[in-house]
Amino acid sequence: MEKKIMSCLVLAFGLMIILVLNARASAADGITCEEALTQLVTCQPYFLGFGPKPSPTCCKGAENVSQQANTTTIRRSLCECFENAAKSFQIIPERLKQLPQLCKIQVPVPLDPTVDCNT
């Protein structure tokens, strides 16, 4: 039963990414919001409070996104993207903030839905 619920949550999360953020997916010579969220879709169960740590696939996706955030414009865009996604998908902010430490990665974009993305 729990597996079926998780499958539905992952499917719903993926559909929301496509529908809600498709208009926001403007490429600025790099990764778009939609692409970043697609790479992080496997993190969704962790972000919603399922399991004590992110999966290896989640960490790999986070590392890939981090490596592609290589300009100030892209970092600001991703910051706004993550801020909006965290609110839209009811992500637990503490889980989001813990991701870099648990995945042992450095991230150039603050993973905090309350951060000012213009600084």
N, C-alpha and C. Protein backbone atom coordinates (compact mmCIF):
# COMPACT_ATOMS: atom_id res chain seq x y z
N MET A 1 0.83 -1.19 0.00
CA MET A 1 0.00 0.00 0.00
C MET A 1 0.87 1.26 0.00
N GLU A 2 1.91 1.26 0.85
CA GLU A 2 2.79 2.43 0.92
C GLU A 2 3.53 2.62 -0.40
N LYS A 3 3.91 1.52 -1.05
CA LYS A 3 4.60 1.60 -2.33
C LYS A 3 3.70 2.21 -3.39
N LYS A 4 2.41 1.86 -3.36
CA LYS A 4 1.45 2.41 -4.32
C LYS A 4 1.27 3.91 -4.09
N ILE A 5 1.22 4.33 -2.85
CA ILE A 5 1.09 5.75 -2.53
C ILE A 5 2.32 6.51 -3.01
N MET A 6 3.50 5.94 -2.77
CA MET A 6 4.74 6.59 -3.21
C MET A 6 4.78 6.72 -4.72
N SER A 7 4.33 5.68 -5.43
CA SER A 7 4.31 5.74 -6.89
C SER A 7 3.40 6.85 -7.38
N CYS A 8 2.25 6.98 -6.74
CA CYS A 8 1.32 8.05 -7.11
C CYS A 8 1.91 9.42 -6.82
N LEU A 9 2.61 9.57 -5.69
CA LEU A 9 3.24 10.84 -5.36
C LEU A 9 4.31 11.22 -6.37
N VAL A 10 5.13 10.25 -6.76
CA VAL A 10 6.19 10.51 -7.74
C VAL A 10 5.57 10.90 -9.08
N LEU A 11 4.53 10.21 -9.50
CA LEU A 11 3.85 10.53 -10.75
C LEU A 11 3.24 11.93 -10.68
N ALA A 12 2.57 12.24 -9.59
CA ALA A 12 1.97 13.57 -9.43
C ALA A 12 3.03 14.65 -9.44
N PHE A 13 4.15 14.42 -8.77
CA PHE A 13 5.25 15.38 -8.74
C PHE A 13 5.78 15.62 -10.15
N GLY A 14 5.98 14.56 -10.90
CA GLY A 14 6.48 14.69 -12.27
C GLY A 14 5.52 15.46 -13.16
N LEU A 15 4.23 15.17 -13.04
CA LEU A 15 3.24 15.88 -13.84
C LEU A 15 3.18 17.36 -13.48
N MET A 16 3.29 17.65 -12.19
CA MET A 16 3.28 19.05 -11.76
C MET A 16 4.47 19.80 -12.31
N ILE A 17 5.62 19.16 -12.35
CA ILE A 17 6.80 19.80 -12.92
C ILE A 17 6.54 20.18 -14.37
N ILE A 18 6.01 19.25 -15.12
CA ILE A 18 5.77 19.49 -16.55
C ILE A 18 4.71 20.57 -16.75
N LEU A 19 3.62 20.48 -16.04
CA LEU A 19 2.51 21.41 -16.25
C LEU A 19 2.78 22.80 -15.70
N VAL A 20 3.25 22.87 -14.46
CA VAL A 20 3.42 24.16 -13.78
C VAL A 20 4.64 24.91 -14.26
N LEU A 21 5.71 24.20 -14.51
CA LEU A 21 6.97 24.89 -14.80
C LEU A 21 7.34 24.92 -16.27
N ASN A 22 6.54 24.35 -17.12
CA ASN A 22 6.86 24.35 -18.54
C ASN A 22 7.03 25.76 -19.08
N ALA A 23 6.20 26.67 -18.64
CA ALA A 23 6.30 28.05 -19.09
C ALA A 23 7.53 28.75 -18.53
N ARG A 24 8.07 28.27 -17.40
CA ARG A 24 9.22 28.88 -16.77
C ARG A 24 10.54 28.31 -17.28
N ALA A 25 10.49 27.41 -18.22
CA ALA A 25 11.68 26.68 -18.65
C ALA A 25 12.44 27.39 -19.76
N SER A 26 12.78 28.64 -19.53
CA SER A 26 13.55 29.36 -20.54
C SER A 26 15.04 29.15 -20.30
N ALA A 27 15.72 28.64 -21.28
CA ALA A 27 17.15 28.35 -21.14
C ALA A 27 17.94 29.64 -21.19
N ALA A 28 18.82 29.83 -20.24
CA ALA A 28 19.71 30.99 -20.22
C ALA A 28 21.13 30.47 -20.39
N ASP A 29 21.39 29.85 -21.56
CA ASP A 29 22.69 29.25 -21.84
C ASP A 29 23.07 28.21 -20.80
N GLY A 30 22.10 27.48 -20.30
CA GLY A 30 22.39 26.46 -19.31
C GLY A 30 21.14 25.70 -18.93
N ILE A 31 21.20 25.07 -17.78
CA ILE A 31 20.11 24.24 -17.29
C ILE A 31 18.88 25.09 -16.98
N THR A 32 17.73 24.58 -17.34
CA THR A 32 16.47 25.28 -17.06
C THR A 32 15.88 24.76 -15.75
N CYS A 33 14.89 25.47 -15.27
CA CYS A 33 14.18 25.05 -14.07
C CYS A 33 13.59 23.66 -14.26
N GLU A 34 12.93 23.45 -15.37
CA GLU A 34 12.30 22.15 -15.64
C GLU A 34 13.33 21.03 -15.65
N GLU A 35 14.47 21.28 -16.30
CA GLU A 35 15.52 20.26 -16.35
C GLU A 35 16.07 19.96 -14.96
N ALA A 36 16.26 21.00 -14.17
CA ALA A 36 16.78 20.81 -12.81
C ALA A 36 15.80 19.99 -11.97
N LEU A 37 14.53 20.35 -12.03
CA LEU A 37 13.53 19.63 -11.23
C LEU A 37 13.37 18.19 -11.71
N THR A 38 13.51 17.98 -13.00
CA THR A 38 13.44 16.61 -13.53
C THR A 38 14.59 15.77 -12.98
N GLN A 39 15.78 16.37 -12.90
CA GLN A 39 16.93 15.64 -12.36
C GLN A 39 16.77 15.38 -10.86
N LEU A 40 15.95 16.19 -10.19
CA LEU A 40 15.77 16.03 -8.75
C LEU A 40 14.49 15.28 -8.38
N VAL A 41 13.77 14.77 -9.36
CA VAL A 41 12.50 14.10 -9.07
C VAL A 41 12.68 12.91 -8.12
N THR A 42 13.81 12.24 -8.17
CA THR A 42 14.02 11.10 -7.27
C THR A 42 14.26 11.54 -5.83
N CYS A 43 14.43 12.83 -5.61
CA CYS A 43 14.59 13.37 -4.24
C CYS A 43 13.24 13.61 -3.58
N GLN A 44 12.18 13.60 -4.35
CA GLN A 44 10.86 13.94 -3.84
C GLN A 44 10.44 13.16 -2.60
N PRO A 45 10.60 11.83 -2.55
CA PRO A 45 10.20 11.13 -1.32
C PRO A 45 10.96 11.63 -0.09
N TYR A 46 12.25 11.87 -0.23
CA TYR A 46 13.05 12.39 0.88
C TYR A 46 12.54 13.78 1.29
N PHE A 47 12.30 14.66 0.30
CA PHE A 47 11.85 16.02 0.59
C PHE A 47 10.51 16.05 1.30
N LEU A 48 9.68 15.04 1.07
CA LEU A 48 8.36 14.98 1.69
C LEU A 48 8.36 14.24 3.02
N GLY A 49 9.53 13.76 3.45
CA GLY A 49 9.64 13.14 4.76
C GLY A 49 9.67 11.63 4.78
N PHE A 50 9.77 11.00 3.60
CA PHE A 50 9.85 9.55 3.55
C PHE A 50 11.31 9.13 3.56
N GLY A 51 11.69 8.34 4.50
CA GLY A 51 13.06 7.85 4.58
C GLY A 51 13.99 8.81 5.31
N PRO A 52 15.03 8.26 5.92
CA PRO A 52 15.94 9.09 6.71
C PRO A 52 16.98 9.85 5.90
N LYS A 53 17.20 9.44 4.64
CA LYS A 53 18.21 10.11 3.83
C LYS A 53 17.84 10.02 2.36
N PRO A 54 18.43 10.91 1.54
CA PRO A 54 18.14 10.86 0.10
C PRO A 54 18.77 9.63 -0.54
N SER A 55 18.19 9.20 -1.64
CA SER A 55 18.72 8.03 -2.35
C SER A 55 19.99 8.41 -3.11
N PRO A 56 20.82 7.43 -3.47
CA PRO A 56 22.00 7.71 -4.29
C PRO A 56 21.64 8.39 -5.62
N THR A 57 20.51 8.02 -6.21
CA THR A 57 20.06 8.64 -7.45
C THR A 57 19.73 10.11 -7.23
N CYS A 58 19.12 10.41 -6.11
CA CYS A 58 18.81 11.79 -5.75
C CYS A 58 20.10 12.59 -5.63
N CYS A 59 21.07 12.05 -4.92
CA CYS A 59 22.35 12.75 -4.73
C CYS A 59 23.06 12.98 -6.06
N LYS A 60 23.00 12.00 -6.95
CA LYS A 60 23.64 12.15 -8.27
C LYS A 60 22.95 13.27 -9.06
N GLY A 61 21.62 13.31 -9.00
CA GLY A 61 20.89 14.38 -9.67
C GLY A 61 21.23 15.74 -9.12
N ALA A 62 21.32 15.83 -7.79
CA ALA A 62 21.68 17.10 -7.14
C ALA A 62 23.09 17.53 -7.54
N GLU A 63 24.00 16.58 -7.63
CA GLU A 63 25.36 16.89 -8.06
C GLU A 63 25.39 17.39 -9.51
N ASN A 64 24.62 16.76 -10.38
CA ASN A 64 24.54 17.18 -11.78
C ASN A 64 24.00 18.60 -11.90
N VAL A 65 22.94 18.90 -11.17
CA VAL A 65 22.35 20.24 -11.20
C VAL A 65 23.36 21.26 -10.69
N SER A 66 24.03 20.92 -9.61
CA SER A 66 25.02 21.82 -9.02
C SER A 66 26.13 22.15 -10.02
N GLN A 67 26.60 21.15 -10.74
CA GLN A 67 27.68 21.36 -11.71
C GLN A 67 27.23 22.24 -12.88
N GLN A 68 25.95 22.19 -13.21
CA GLN A 68 25.45 22.97 -14.34
C GLN A 68 25.07 24.41 -13.95
N ALA A 69 25.06 24.69 -12.67
CA ALA A 69 24.74 26.05 -12.19
C ALA A 69 26.04 26.86 -12.18
N ASN A 70 26.54 27.17 -13.37
CA ASN A 70 27.88 27.72 -13.49
C ASN A 70 27.95 29.21 -13.83
N THR A 71 26.81 29.89 -13.82
CA THR A 71 26.83 31.34 -14.00
C THR A 71 25.89 31.97 -12.97
N THR A 72 26.09 33.25 -12.72
CA THR A 72 25.23 33.96 -11.77
C THR A 72 23.78 33.94 -12.24
N THR A 73 23.55 34.12 -13.53
CA THR A 73 22.19 34.12 -14.08
C THR A 73 21.51 32.78 -13.85
N ILE A 74 22.22 31.70 -14.13
CA ILE A 74 21.65 30.37 -13.93
C ILE A 74 21.39 30.12 -12.45
N ARG A 75 22.34 30.49 -11.60
CA ARG A 75 22.16 30.27 -10.15
C ARG A 75 20.95 31.03 -9.63
N ARG A 76 20.76 32.28 -10.06
CA ARG A 76 19.59 33.05 -9.62
C ARG A 76 18.30 32.41 -10.12
N SER A 77 18.32 31.98 -11.36
CA SER A 77 17.14 31.34 -11.93
C SER A 77 16.79 30.06 -11.18
N LEU A 78 17.81 29.25 -10.88
CA LEU A 78 17.57 28.01 -10.13
C LEU A 78 17.13 28.30 -8.71
N CYS A 79 17.67 29.33 -8.10
CA CYS A 79 17.27 29.71 -6.75
C CYS A 79 15.77 30.00 -6.73
N GLU A 80 15.30 30.81 -7.68
CA GLU A 80 13.88 31.13 -7.76
C GLU A 80 13.06 29.88 -8.07
N CYS A 81 13.58 29.04 -8.94
CA CYS A 81 12.92 27.79 -9.30
C CYS A 81 12.72 26.91 -8.06
N PHE A 82 13.80 26.72 -7.29
CA PHE A 82 13.73 25.87 -6.10
C PHE A 82 12.83 26.48 -5.04
N GLU A 83 12.86 27.79 -4.93
CA GLU A 83 12.01 28.48 -3.96
C GLU A 83 10.54 28.23 -4.29
N ASN A 84 10.18 28.40 -5.56
CA ASN A 84 8.80 28.17 -5.99
C ASN A 84 8.40 26.71 -5.88
N ALA A 85 9.29 25.82 -6.26
CA ALA A 85 8.99 24.39 -6.18
C ALA A 85 8.78 23.94 -4.74
N ALA A 86 9.61 24.45 -3.84
CA ALA A 86 9.49 24.06 -2.43
C ALA A 86 8.12 24.44 -1.88
N LYS A 87 7.64 25.62 -2.29
CA LYS A 87 6.31 26.06 -1.84
C LYS A 87 5.20 25.28 -2.53
N SER A 88 5.32 25.09 -3.83
CA SER A 88 4.28 24.40 -4.61
C SER A 88 4.11 22.94 -4.21
N PHE A 89 5.23 22.27 -3.95
CA PHE A 89 5.19 20.84 -3.69
C PHE A 89 5.22 20.50 -2.20
N GLN A 90 5.10 21.52 -1.35
CA GLN A 90 5.07 21.35 0.11
C GLN A 90 6.26 20.54 0.62
N ILE A 91 7.43 20.91 0.13
CA ILE A 91 8.67 20.27 0.55
C ILE A 91 9.01 20.73 1.96
N ILE A 92 9.51 19.83 2.76
CA ILE A 92 9.93 20.16 4.13
C ILE A 92 11.24 20.93 4.04
N PRO A 93 11.24 22.23 4.42
CA PRO A 93 12.44 23.06 4.25
C PRO A 93 13.71 22.48 4.89
N GLU A 94 13.58 21.87 6.05
CA GLU A 94 14.75 21.31 6.72
C GLU A 94 15.38 20.19 5.88
N ARG A 95 14.55 19.42 5.23
CA ARG A 95 15.06 18.34 4.37
C ARG A 95 15.83 18.92 3.19
N LEU A 96 15.30 19.98 2.62
CA LEU A 96 15.96 20.63 1.49
C LEU A 96 17.33 21.16 1.90
N LYS A 97 17.39 21.80 3.06
CA LYS A 97 18.65 22.38 3.55
C LYS A 97 19.70 21.31 3.86
N GLN A 98 19.26 20.12 4.25
CA GLN A 98 20.19 19.05 4.64
C GLN A 98 20.77 18.30 3.43
N LEU A 99 20.19 18.48 2.26
CA LEU A 99 20.60 17.71 1.09
C LEU A 99 22.10 17.79 0.78
N PRO A 100 22.70 18.98 0.72
CA PRO A 100 24.14 19.03 0.40
C PRO A 100 25.01 18.24 1.37
N GLN A 101 24.71 18.35 2.65
CA GLN A 101 25.50 17.63 3.66
C GLN A 101 25.31 16.13 3.53
N LEU A 102 24.08 15.68 3.38
CA LEU A 102 23.81 14.25 3.29
C LEU A 102 24.35 13.63 2.00
N CYS A 103 24.37 14.43 0.93
CA CYS A 103 24.89 13.94 -0.36
C CYS A 103 26.38 14.22 -0.52
N LYS A 104 26.94 14.94 0.45
CA LYS A 104 28.38 15.28 0.41
C LYS A 104 28.74 16.04 -0.87
N ILE A 105 27.95 17.09 -1.14
CA ILE A 105 28.21 17.93 -2.32
C ILE A 105 28.20 19.40 -1.91
N GLN A 106 28.83 20.21 -2.72
CA GLN A 106 28.79 21.67 -2.58
C GLN A 106 27.76 22.19 -3.57
N VAL A 107 26.91 23.10 -3.12
CA VAL A 107 25.92 23.67 -4.03
C VAL A 107 26.08 25.19 -4.09
N PRO A 108 26.07 25.75 -5.31
CA PRO A 108 26.23 27.19 -5.47
C PRO A 108 24.92 27.96 -5.29
N VAL A 109 23.81 27.23 -5.14
CA VAL A 109 22.49 27.84 -4.99
C VAL A 109 21.97 27.51 -3.59
N PRO A 110 21.54 28.52 -2.83
CA PRO A 110 21.00 28.22 -1.50
C PRO A 110 19.77 27.32 -1.59
N LEU A 111 19.75 26.29 -0.81
CA LEU A 111 18.60 25.38 -0.77
C LEU A 111 17.75 25.76 0.44
N ASP A 112 17.12 26.90 0.31
CA ASP A 112 16.32 27.46 1.40
C ASP A 112 15.18 28.25 0.77
N PRO A 113 13.94 27.85 0.99
CA PRO A 113 12.82 28.54 0.35
C PRO A 113 12.60 29.97 0.83
N THR A 114 13.33 30.43 1.84
CA THR A 114 13.16 31.79 2.35
C THR A 114 14.30 32.72 1.96
N VAL A 115 15.26 32.24 1.21
CA VAL A 115 16.42 33.05 0.85
C VAL A 115 16.06 34.09 -0.21
N ASP A 116 16.74 35.23 -0.20
CA ASP A 116 16.58 36.24 -1.23
C ASP A 116 17.48 35.86 -2.41
N CYS A 117 16.88 35.48 -3.50
CA CYS A 117 17.64 34.99 -4.67
C CYS A 117 18.40 36.10 -5.40
N ASN A 118 18.15 37.33 -5.07
CA ASN A 118 18.83 38.45 -5.74
C ASN A 118 20.13 38.85 -5.07
N THR A 119 20.49 38.18 -3.99
CA THR A 119 21.75 38.54 -3.32
C THR A 119 22.86 37.61 -3.72
